[in-house]
């Protein structure tokens, strides 16, 4: 899924940060924190997951939807960029 070692490290670090954010949600629930605090922590997790999803989708489009064995046409490149931008906006 990750296409370079550096990309793999970056995605794993991001996922580990999300795990830490989820631990905050669990602690808040265990400690019966105020609803607003729990909702805020959940929203932070959701935003982080959405960002991770956008990054993985971006890589998928660039490395699997566009043919890596052939130079994409300008139209294909533009369409891929438009799709990536739309997905990132949707996931925000």
PDB file of N, CA and C in Angstrom:
ATOM      1  N   UNK A   1       0.812  -1.183   0.000  1.00  0.00           N
ATOM      2  CA  UNK A   1       0.000   0.000   0.000  1.00  0.00           C
ATOM      3  C   UNK A   1       0.859   1.252   0.000  1.00  0.00           C
ATOM      4  N   UNK A   2       1.792   1.382   0.959  1.00  0.00           N
ATOM      5  CA  UNK A   2       2.719   2.507   0.903  1.00  0.00           C
ATOM      6  C   UNK A   2       3.713   2.212  -0.217  1.00  0.00           C
ATOM      7  N   UNK A   3       4.041   3.205  -0.990  1.00  0.00           N
ATOM      8  CA  UNK A   3       4.822   2.980  -2.196  1.00  0.00           C
ATOM      9  C   UNK A   3       6.307   3.274  -2.021  1.00  0.00           C
ATOM     10  N   UNK A   4       6.671   3.890  -0.898  1.00  0.00           N
ATOM     11  CA  UNK A   4       8.078   4.104  -0.585  1.00  0.00           C
ATOM     12  C   UNK A   4       8.271   3.855   0.908  1.00  0.00           C
ATOM     13  N   UNK A   5       9.497   3.619   1.305  1.00  0.00           N
ATOM     14  CA  UNK A   5       9.794   3.405   2.720  1.00  0.00           C
ATOM     15  C   UNK A   5       9.438   4.647   3.525  1.00  0.00           C
ATOM     16  N   UNK A   6       9.770   5.808   2.979  1.00  0.00           N
ATOM     17  CA  UNK A   6       9.467   7.068   3.676  1.00  0.00           C
ATOM     18  C   UNK A   6       7.958   7.252   3.835  1.00  0.00           C
ATOM     19  N   UNK A   7       7.215   6.948   2.783  1.00  0.00           N
ATOM     20  CA  UNK A   7       5.753   7.063   2.849  1.00  0.00           C
ATOM     21  C   UNK A   7       5.188   6.102   3.886  1.00  0.00           C
ATOM     22  N   UNK A   8       5.721   4.898   3.925  1.00  0.00           N
ATOM     23  CA  UNK A   8       5.277   3.898   4.896  1.00  0.00           C
ATOM     24  C   UNK A   8       5.499   4.411   6.313  1.00  0.00           C
ATOM     25  N   UNK A   9       6.682   4.966   6.587  1.00  0.00           N
ATOM     26  CA  UNK A   9       6.979   5.511   7.908  1.00  0.00           C
ATOM     27  C   UNK A   9       6.011   6.623   8.279  1.00  0.00           C
ATOM     28  N   UNK A  10       5.748   7.506   7.330  1.00  0.00           N
ATOM     29  CA  UNK A  10       4.853   8.639   7.573  1.00  0.00           C
ATOM     30  C   UNK A  10       3.438   8.159   7.891  1.00  0.00           C
ATOM     31  N   UNK A  11       2.935   7.174   7.119  1.00  0.00           N
ATOM     32  CA  UNK A  11       1.594   6.654   7.361  1.00  0.00           C
ATOM     33  C   UNK A  11       1.518   5.937   8.707  1.00  0.00           C
ATOM     34  N   UNK A  12       2.538   5.161   9.034  1.00  0.00           N
ATOM     35  CA  UNK A  12       2.551   4.475  10.329  1.00  0.00           C
ATOM     36  C   UNK A  12       2.594   5.463  11.488  1.00  0.00           C
ATOM     37  N   UNK A  13       3.404   6.500  11.372  1.00  0.00           N
ATOM     38  CA  UNK A  13       3.450   7.526  12.421  1.00  0.00           C
ATOM     39  C   UNK A  13       2.098   8.194  12.596  1.00  0.00           C
ATOM     40  N   UNK A  14       1.459   8.466  11.493  1.00  0.00           N
ATOM     41  CA  UNK A  14       0.137   9.093  11.541  1.00  0.00           C
ATOM     42  C   UNK A  14      -0.866   8.170  12.219  1.00  0.00           C
ATOM     43  N   UNK A  15      -0.843   6.888  11.873  1.00  0.00           N
ATOM     44  CA  UNK A  15      -1.755   5.921  12.482  1.00  0.00           C
ATOM     45  C   UNK A  15      -1.480   5.786  13.985  1.00  0.00           C
ATOM     46  N   UNK A  16      -0.229   5.839  14.371  1.00  0.00           N
ATOM     47  CA  UNK A  16       0.113   5.752  15.806  1.00  0.00           C
ATOM     48  C   UNK A  16      -0.388   6.977  16.565  1.00  0.00           C
ATOM     49  N   UNK A  17      -0.325   8.147  15.938  1.00  0.00           N
ATOM     50  CA  UNK A  17      -0.877   9.346  16.579  1.00  0.00           C
ATOM     51  C   UNK A  17      -2.386   9.202  16.749  1.00  0.00           C
ATOM     52  N   UNK A  18      -3.035   8.626  15.748  1.00  0.00           N
ATOM     53  CA  UNK A  18      -4.491   8.411  15.841  1.00  0.00           C
ATOM     54  C   UNK A  18      -4.797   7.456  16.991  1.00  0.00           C
ATOM     55  N   UNK A  19      -3.983   6.405  17.144  1.00  0.00           N
ATOM     56  CA  UNK A  19      -4.179   5.466  18.252  1.00  0.00           C
ATOM     57  C   UNK A  19      -4.078   6.217  19.578  1.00  0.00           C
ATOM     58  N   UNK A  20      -3.125   7.125  19.697  1.00  0.00           N
ATOM     59  CA  UNK A  20      -2.996   7.933  20.903  1.00  0.00           C
ATOM     60  C   UNK A  20      -4.222   8.807  21.130  1.00  0.00           C
ATOM     61  N   UNK A  21      -4.757   9.378  20.053  1.00  0.00           N
ATOM     62  CA  UNK A  21      -5.954  10.200  20.174  1.00  0.00           C
ATOM     63  C   UNK A  21      -7.155   9.354  20.593  1.00  0.00           C
ATOM     64  N   UNK A  22      -7.220   8.144  20.100  1.00  0.00           N
ATOM     65  CA  UNK A  22      -8.301   7.248  20.488  1.00  0.00           C
ATOM     66  C   UNK A  22      -8.180   6.857  21.961  1.00  0.00           C
ATOM     67  N   UNK A  23      -6.957   6.711  22.448  1.00  0.00           N
ATOM     68  CA  UNK A  23      -6.741   6.448  23.878  1.00  0.00           C
ATOM     69  C   UNK A  23      -7.311   7.581  24.727  1.00  0.00           C
ATOM     70  N   UNK A  24      -7.217   8.811  24.243  1.00  0.00           N
ATOM     71  CA  UNK A  24      -7.793   9.960  24.948  1.00  0.00           C
ATOM     72  C   UNK A  24      -9.313   9.801  25.038  1.00  0.00           C
ATOM     73  N   UNK A  25      -9.941   9.369  23.949  1.00  0.00           N
ATOM     74  CA  UNK A  25     -11.396   9.148  23.959  1.00  0.00           C
ATOM     75  C   UNK A  25     -11.751   8.080  24.992  1.00  0.00           C
ATOM     76  N   UNK A  26     -11.014   6.987  24.987  1.00  0.00           N
ATOM     77  CA  UNK A  26     -11.288   5.888  25.922  1.00  0.00           C
ATOM     78  C   UNK A  26     -11.151   6.373  27.365  1.00  0.00           C
ATOM     79  N   UNK A  27     -10.072   7.105  27.647  1.00  0.00           N
ATOM     80  CA  UNK A  27      -9.883   7.628  29.004  1.00  0.00           C
ATOM     81  C   UNK A  27     -11.017   8.563  29.403  1.00  0.00           C
ATOM     82  N   UNK A  28     -11.418   9.420  28.477  1.00  0.00           N
ATOM     83  CA  UNK A  28     -12.502  10.358  28.762  1.00  0.00           C
ATOM     84  C   UNK A  28     -13.794   9.613  29.090  1.00  0.00           C
ATOM     85  N   UNK A  29     -14.053   8.547  28.358  1.00  0.00           N
ATOM     86  CA  UNK A  29     -15.261   7.761  28.631  1.00  0.00           C
ATOM     87  C   UNK A  29     -15.151   7.027  29.969  1.00  0.00           C
ATOM     88  N   UNK A  30     -13.984   6.453  30.228  1.00  0.00           N
ATOM     89  CA  UNK A  30     -13.785   5.737  31.491  1.00  0.00           C
ATOM     90  C   UNK A  30     -13.913   6.664  32.694  1.00  0.00           C
ATOM     91  N   UNK A  31     -13.439   7.886  32.547  1.00  0.00           N
ATOM     92  CA  UNK A  31     -13.472   8.864  33.638  1.00  0.00           C
ATOM     93  C   UNK A  31     -14.771   9.653  33.671  1.00  0.00           C
ATOM     94  N   UNK A  32     -15.702   9.314  32.801  1.00  0.00           N
ATOM     95  CA  UNK A  32     -16.996   9.999  32.712  1.00  0.00           C
ATOM     96  C   UNK A  32     -16.824  11.508  32.580  1.00  0.00           C
ATOM     97  N   UNK A  33     -15.958  11.890  31.664  1.00  0.00           N
ATOM     98  CA  UNK A  33     -15.712  13.306  31.390  1.00  0.00           C
ATOM     99  C   UNK A  33     -16.976  13.952  30.833  1.00  0.00           C
ATOM    100  N   UNK A  34     -16.953  15.275  30.801  1.00  0.00           N
ATOM    101  CA  UNK A  34     -18.085  16.012  30.234  1.00  0.00           C
ATOM    102  C   UNK A  34     -18.314  15.598  28.782  1.00  0.00           C
ATOM    103  N   UNK A  35     -19.564  15.606  28.372  1.00  0.00           N
ATOM    104  CA  UNK A  35     -19.916  15.233  26.998  1.00  0.00           C
ATOM    105  C   UNK A  35     -19.152  16.070  25.981  1.00  0.00           C
ATOM    106  N   UNK A  36     -19.012  17.350  26.265  1.00  0.00           N
ATOM    107  CA  UNK A  36     -18.324  18.214  25.296  1.00  0.00           C
ATOM    108  C   UNK A  36     -16.865  17.795  25.121  1.00  0.00           C
ATOM    109  N   UNK A  37     -16.222  17.375  26.205  1.00  0.00           N
ATOM    110  CA  UNK A  37     -14.831  16.910  26.101  1.00  0.00           C
ATOM    111  C   UNK A  37     -14.740  15.625  25.280  1.00  0.00           C
ATOM    112  N   UNK A  38     -15.685  14.707  25.510  1.00  0.00           N
ATOM    113  CA  UNK A  38     -15.696  13.447  24.758  1.00  0.00           C
ATOM    114  C   UNK A  38     -15.968  13.718  23.288  1.00  0.00           C
ATOM    115  N   UNK A  39     -16.930  14.579  23.000  1.00  0.00           N
ATOM    116  CA  UNK A  39     -17.264  14.905  21.606  1.00  0.00           C
ATOM    117  C   UNK A  39     -16.075  15.564  20.906  1.00  0.00           C
ATOM    118  N   UNK A  40     -15.389  16.429  21.599  1.00  0.00           N
ATOM    119  CA  UNK A  40     -14.226  17.087  21.018  1.00  0.00           C
ATOM    120  C   UNK A  40     -13.149  16.050  20.691  1.00  0.00           C
ATOM    121  N   UNK A  41     -12.896  15.140  21.622  1.00  0.00           N
ATOM    122  CA  UNK A  41     -11.879  14.106  21.392  1.00  0.00           C
ATOM    123  C   UNK A  41     -12.269  13.207  20.225  1.00  0.00           C
ATOM    124  N   UNK A  42     -13.541  12.880  20.108  1.00  0.00           N
ATOM    125  CA  UNK A  42     -14.011  12.057  18.985  1.00  0.00           C
ATOM    126  C   UNK A  42     -13.835  12.813  17.666  1.00  0.00           C
ATOM    127  N   UNK A  43     -14.152  14.101  17.672  1.00  0.00           N
ATOM    128  CA  UNK A  43     -14.011  14.909  16.455  1.00  0.00           C
ATOM    129  C   UNK A  43     -12.552  14.977  16.012  1.00  0.00           C
ATOM    130  N   UNK A  44     -11.634  15.073  16.970  1.00  0.00           N
ATOM    131  CA  UNK A  44     -10.208  15.094  16.644  1.00  0.00           C
ATOM    132  C   UNK A  44      -9.817  13.779  15.971  1.00  0.00           C
ATOM    133  N   UNK A  45     -10.299  12.654  16.529  1.00  0.00           N
ATOM    134  CA  UNK A  45      -9.998  11.338  15.932  1.00  0.00           C
ATOM    135  C   UNK A  45     -10.561  11.244  14.523  1.00  0.00           C
ATOM    136  N   UNK A  46     -11.774  11.683  14.362  1.00  0.00           N
ATOM    137  CA  UNK A  46     -12.402  11.605  13.042  1.00  0.00           C
ATOM    138  C   UNK A  46     -11.634  12.428  12.020  1.00  0.00           C
ATOM    139  N   UNK A  47     -11.226  13.625  12.398  1.00  0.00           N
ATOM    140  CA  UNK A  47     -10.446  14.465  11.488  1.00  0.00           C
ATOM    141  C   UNK A  47      -9.135  13.806  11.108  1.00  0.00           C
ATOM    142  N   UNK A  48      -8.484  13.199  12.087  1.00  0.00           N
ATOM    143  CA  UNK A  48      -7.207  12.535  11.821  1.00  0.00           C
ATOM    144  C   UNK A  48      -7.408  11.323  10.917  1.00  0.00           C
ATOM    145  N   UNK A  49      -8.467  10.557  11.150  1.00  0.00           N
ATOM    146  CA  UNK A  49      -8.753   9.400  10.294  1.00  0.00           C
ATOM    147  C   UNK A  49      -9.086   9.844   8.875  1.00  0.00           C
ATOM    148  N   UNK A  50      -9.867  10.906   8.762  1.00  0.00           N
ATOM    149  CA  UNK A  50     -10.212  11.411   7.431  1.00  0.00           C
ATOM    150  C   UNK A  50      -8.961  11.862   6.674  1.00  0.00           C
ATOM    151  N   UNK A  51      -8.029  12.507   7.368  1.00  0.00           N
ATOM    152  CA  UNK A  51      -6.783  12.937   6.728  1.00  0.00           C
ATOM    153  C   UNK A  51      -5.955  11.744   6.281  1.00  0.00           C
ATOM    154  N   UNK A  52      -5.902  10.719   7.112  1.00  0.00           N
ATOM    155  CA  UNK A  52      -5.182   9.504   6.741  1.00  0.00           C
ATOM    156  C   UNK A  52      -5.841   8.846   5.529  1.00  0.00           C
ATOM    157  N   UNK A  53      -7.167   8.790   5.532  1.00  0.00           N
ATOM    158  CA  UNK A  53      -7.902   8.218   4.406  1.00  0.00           C
ATOM    159  C   UNK A  53      -7.597   8.994   3.128  1.00  0.00           C
ATOM    160  N   UNK A  54      -7.590  10.317   3.211  1.00  0.00           N
ATOM    161  CA  UNK A  54      -7.312  11.143   2.029  1.00  0.00           C
ATOM    162  C   UNK A  54      -5.914  10.865   1.488  1.00  0.00           C
ATOM    163  N   UNK A  55      -4.955  10.694   2.380  1.00  0.00           N
ATOM    164  CA  UNK A  55      -3.590  10.434   1.934  1.00  0.00           C
ATOM    165  C   UNK A  55      -3.473   9.066   1.259  1.00  0.00           C
ATOM    166  N   UNK A  56      -4.130   8.062   1.810  1.00  0.00           N
ATOM    167  CA  UNK A  56      -4.078   6.724   1.214  1.00  0.00           C
ATOM    168  C   UNK A  56      -4.794   6.716  -0.133  1.00  0.00           C
ATOM    169  N   UNK A  57      -5.932   7.397  -0.221  1.00  0.00           N
ATOM    170  CA  UNK A  57      -6.652   7.489  -1.497  1.00  0.00           C
ATOM    171  C   UNK A  57      -5.795   8.208  -2.540  1.00  0.00           C
ATOM    172  N   UNK A  58      -5.138   9.272  -2.128  1.00  0.00           N
ATOM    173  CA  UNK A  58      -4.253  10.009  -3.030  1.00  0.00           C
ATOM    174  C   UNK A  58      -3.205   9.069  -3.623  1.00  0.00           C
ATOM    175  N   UNK A  59      -2.540   8.302  -2.779  1.00  0.00           N
ATOM    176  CA  UNK A  59      -1.539   7.358  -3.260  1.00  0.00           C
ATOM    177  C   UNK A  59      -2.130   6.290  -4.155  1.00  0.00           C
ATOM    178  N   UNK A  60      -3.314   5.817  -3.806  1.00  0.00           N
ATOM    179  CA  UNK A  60      -3.965   4.789  -4.616  1.00  0.00           C
ATOM    180  C   UNK A  60      -4.250   5.302  -6.030  1.00  0.00           C
ATOM    181  N   UNK A  61      -4.762   6.502  -6.110  1.00  0.00           N
ATOM    182  CA  UNK A  61      -5.070   7.081  -7.426  1.00  0.00           C
ATOM    183  C   UNK A  61      -3.788   7.266  -8.233  1.00  0.00           C
ATOM    184  N   UNK A  62      -2.775   7.818  -7.596  1.00  0.00           N
ATOM    185  CA  UNK A  62      -1.525   8.103  -8.306  1.00  0.00           C
ATOM    186  C   UNK A  62      -0.780   6.844  -8.735  1.00  0.00           C
ATOM    187  N   UNK A  63      -0.857   5.772  -7.935  1.00  0.00           N
ATOM    188  CA  UNK A  63      -0.049   4.594  -8.227  1.00  0.00           C
ATOM    189  C   UNK A  63      -0.827   3.414  -8.798  1.00  0.00           C
ATOM    190  N   UNK A  64      -2.146   3.426  -8.678  1.00  0.00           N
ATOM    191  CA  UNK A  64      -2.909   2.265  -9.138  1.00  0.00           C
ATOM    192  C   UNK A  64      -3.992   2.604 -10.160  1.00  0.00           C
ATOM    193  N   UNK A  65      -4.583   3.780 -10.056  1.00  0.00           N
ATOM    194  CA  UNK A  65      -5.606   4.154 -11.029  1.00  0.00           C
ATOM    195  C   UNK A  65      -4.930   4.663 -12.300  1.00  0.00           C
ATOM    196  N   UNK A  66      -3.955   5.551 -12.142  1.00  0.00           N
ATOM    197  CA  UNK A  66      -3.167   5.976 -13.298  1.00  0.00           C
ATOM    198  C   UNK A  66      -2.176   4.861 -13.614  1.00  0.00           C
ATOM    199  N   UNK A  67      -1.997   4.568 -14.858  1.00  0.00           N
ATOM    200  CA  UNK A  67      -1.112   3.489 -15.293  1.00  0.00           C
ATOM    201  C   UNK A  67       0.346   3.930 -15.127  1.00  0.00           C
ATOM    202  N   UNK A  68       1.071   3.262 -14.234  1.00  0.00           N
ATOM    203  CA  UNK A  68       2.466   3.619 -13.964  1.00  0.00           C
ATOM    204  C   UNK A  68       3.400   3.243 -15.113  1.00  0.00           C
ATOM    205  N   UNK A  69       2.927   2.406 -16.034  1.00  0.00           N
ATOM    206  CA  UNK A  69       3.763   1.989 -17.164  1.00  0.00           C
ATOM    207  C   UNK A  69       3.671   2.934 -18.353  1.00  0.00           C
ATOM    208  N   UNK A  70       2.733   3.886 -18.273  1.00  0.00           N
ATOM    209  CA  UNK A  70       2.564   4.836 -19.375  1.00  0.00           C
ATOM    210  C   UNK A  70       2.397   6.228 -18.808  1.00  0.00           C
ATOM    211  N   UNK A  71       2.932   7.178 -19.534  1.00  0.00           N
ATOM    212  CA  UNK A  71       2.786   8.576 -19.138  1.00  0.00           C
ATOM    213  C   UNK A  71       1.312   8.976 -19.284  1.00  0.00           C
ATOM    214  N   UNK A  72       0.666   9.467 -18.205  1.00  0.00           N
ATOM    215  CA  UNK A  72      -0.742   9.854 -18.336  1.00  0.00           C
ATOM    216  C   UNK A  72      -0.890  11.081 -19.237  1.00  0.00           C
ATOM    217  N   UNK A  73      -2.004  11.155 -19.896  1.00  0.00           N
ATOM    218  CA  UNK A  73      -2.291  12.332 -20.708  1.00  0.00           C
ATOM    219  C   UNK A  73      -2.555  13.506 -19.773  1.00  0.00           C
ATOM    220  N   UNK A  74      -2.525  14.692 -20.335  1.00  0.00           N
ATOM    221  CA  UNK A  74      -2.841  15.880 -19.528  1.00  0.00           C
ATOM    222  C   UNK A  74      -4.244  15.764 -18.951  1.00  0.00           C
ATOM    223  N   UNK A  75      -5.158  15.230 -19.728  1.00  0.00           N
ATOM    224  CA  UNK A  75      -6.547  15.073 -19.282  1.00  0.00           C
ATOM    225  C   UNK A  75      -6.637  14.080 -18.109  1.00  0.00           C
ATOM    226  N   UNK A  76      -5.908  12.985 -18.203  1.00  0.00           N
ATOM    227  CA  UNK A  76      -5.912  12.005 -17.113  1.00  0.00           C
ATOM    228  C   UNK A  76      -5.299  12.587 -15.843  1.00  0.00           C
ATOM    229  N   UNK A  77      -4.208  13.305 -15.998  1.00  0.00           N
ATOM    230  CA  UNK A  77      -3.564  13.935 -14.846  1.00  0.00           C
ATOM    231  C   UNK A  77      -4.499  14.937 -14.194  1.00  0.00           C
ATOM    232  N   UNK A  78      -5.137  15.751 -15.008  1.00  0.00           N
ATOM    233  CA  UNK A  78      -6.077  16.758 -14.502  1.00  0.00           C
ATOM    234  C   UNK A  78      -7.256  16.090 -13.809  1.00  0.00           C
ATOM    235  N   UNK A  79      -7.799  15.019 -14.394  1.00  0.00           N
ATOM    236  CA  UNK A  79      -8.930  14.302 -13.804  1.00  0.00           C
ATOM    237  C   UNK A  79      -8.533  13.667 -12.467  1.00  0.00           C
ATOM    238  N   UNK A  80      -7.330  13.099 -12.395  1.00  0.00           N
ATOM    239  CA  UNK A  80      -6.860  12.508 -11.144  1.00  0.00           C
ATOM    240  C   UNK A  80      -6.718  13.584 -10.069  1.00  0.00           C
ATOM    241  N   UNK A  81      -6.144  14.714 -10.426  1.00  0.00           N
ATOM    242  CA  UNK A  81      -5.988  15.816  -9.469  1.00  0.00           C
ATOM    243  C   UNK A  81      -7.345  16.337  -9.002  1.00  0.00           C
ATOM    244  N   UNK A  82      -8.300  16.463  -9.929  1.00  0.00           N
ATOM    245  CA  UNK A  82      -9.647  16.912  -9.571  1.00  0.00           C
ATOM    246  C   UNK A  82     -10.300  15.932  -8.597  1.00  0.00           C
ATOM    247  N   UNK A  83     -10.146  14.637  -8.852  1.00  0.00           N
ATOM    248  CA  UNK A  83     -10.721  13.625  -7.976  1.00  0.00           C
ATOM    249  C   UNK A  83     -10.082  13.679  -6.591  1.00  0.00           C
ATOM    250  N   UNK A  84      -8.772  13.790  -6.543  1.00  0.00           N
ATOM    251  CA  UNK A  84      -8.068  13.876  -5.261  1.00  0.00           C
ATOM    252  C   UNK A  84      -8.524  15.111  -4.489  1.00  0.00           C
ATOM    253  N   UNK A  85      -8.602  16.240  -5.159  1.00  0.00           N
ATOM    254  CA  UNK A  85      -9.044  17.480  -4.504  1.00  0.00           C
ATOM    255  C   UNK A  85     -10.472  17.352  -3.973  1.00  0.00           C
ATOM    256  N   UNK A  86     -11.356  16.758  -4.774  1.00  0.00           N
ATOM    257  CA  UNK A  86     -12.750  16.587  -4.344  1.00  0.00           C
ATOM    258  C   UNK A  86     -12.846  15.676  -3.120  1.00  0.00           C
ATOM    259  N   UNK A  87     -12.097  14.596  -3.132  1.00  0.00           N
ATOM    260  CA  UNK A  87     -12.120  13.672  -2.003  1.00  0.00           C
ATOM    261  C   UNK A  87     -11.568  14.333  -0.740  1.00  0.00           C
ATOM    262  N   UNK A  88     -10.500  15.092  -0.883  1.00  0.00           N
ATOM    263  CA  UNK A  88      -9.936  15.780   0.281  1.00  0.00           C
ATOM    264  C   UNK A  88     -10.919  16.793   0.852  1.00  0.00           C
ATOM    265  N   UNK A  89     -11.617  17.500  -0.019  1.00  0.00           N
ATOM    266  CA  UNK A  89     -12.620  18.459   0.449  1.00  0.00           C
ATOM    267  C   UNK A  89     -13.768  17.739   1.151  1.00  0.00           C
ATOM    268  N   UNK A  90     -14.187  16.615   0.599  1.00  0.00           N
ATOM    269  CA  UNK A  90     -15.284  15.834   1.176  1.00  0.00           C
ATOM    270  C   UNK A  90     -14.912  15.312   2.557  1.00  0.00           C
ATOM    271  N   UNK A  91     -13.669  14.893   2.715  1.00  0.00           N
ATOM    272  CA  UNK A  91     -13.244  14.289   3.968  1.00  0.00           C
ATOM    273  C   UNK A  91     -12.903  15.316   5.057  1.00  0.00           C
ATOM    274  N   UNK A  92     -12.895  16.595   4.717  1.00  0.00           N
ATOM    275  CA  UNK A  92     -12.607  17.626   5.742  1.00  0.00           C
ATOM    276  C   UNK A  92     -13.811  17.869   6.599  1.00  0.00           C
TER     277      UNK A  92
END
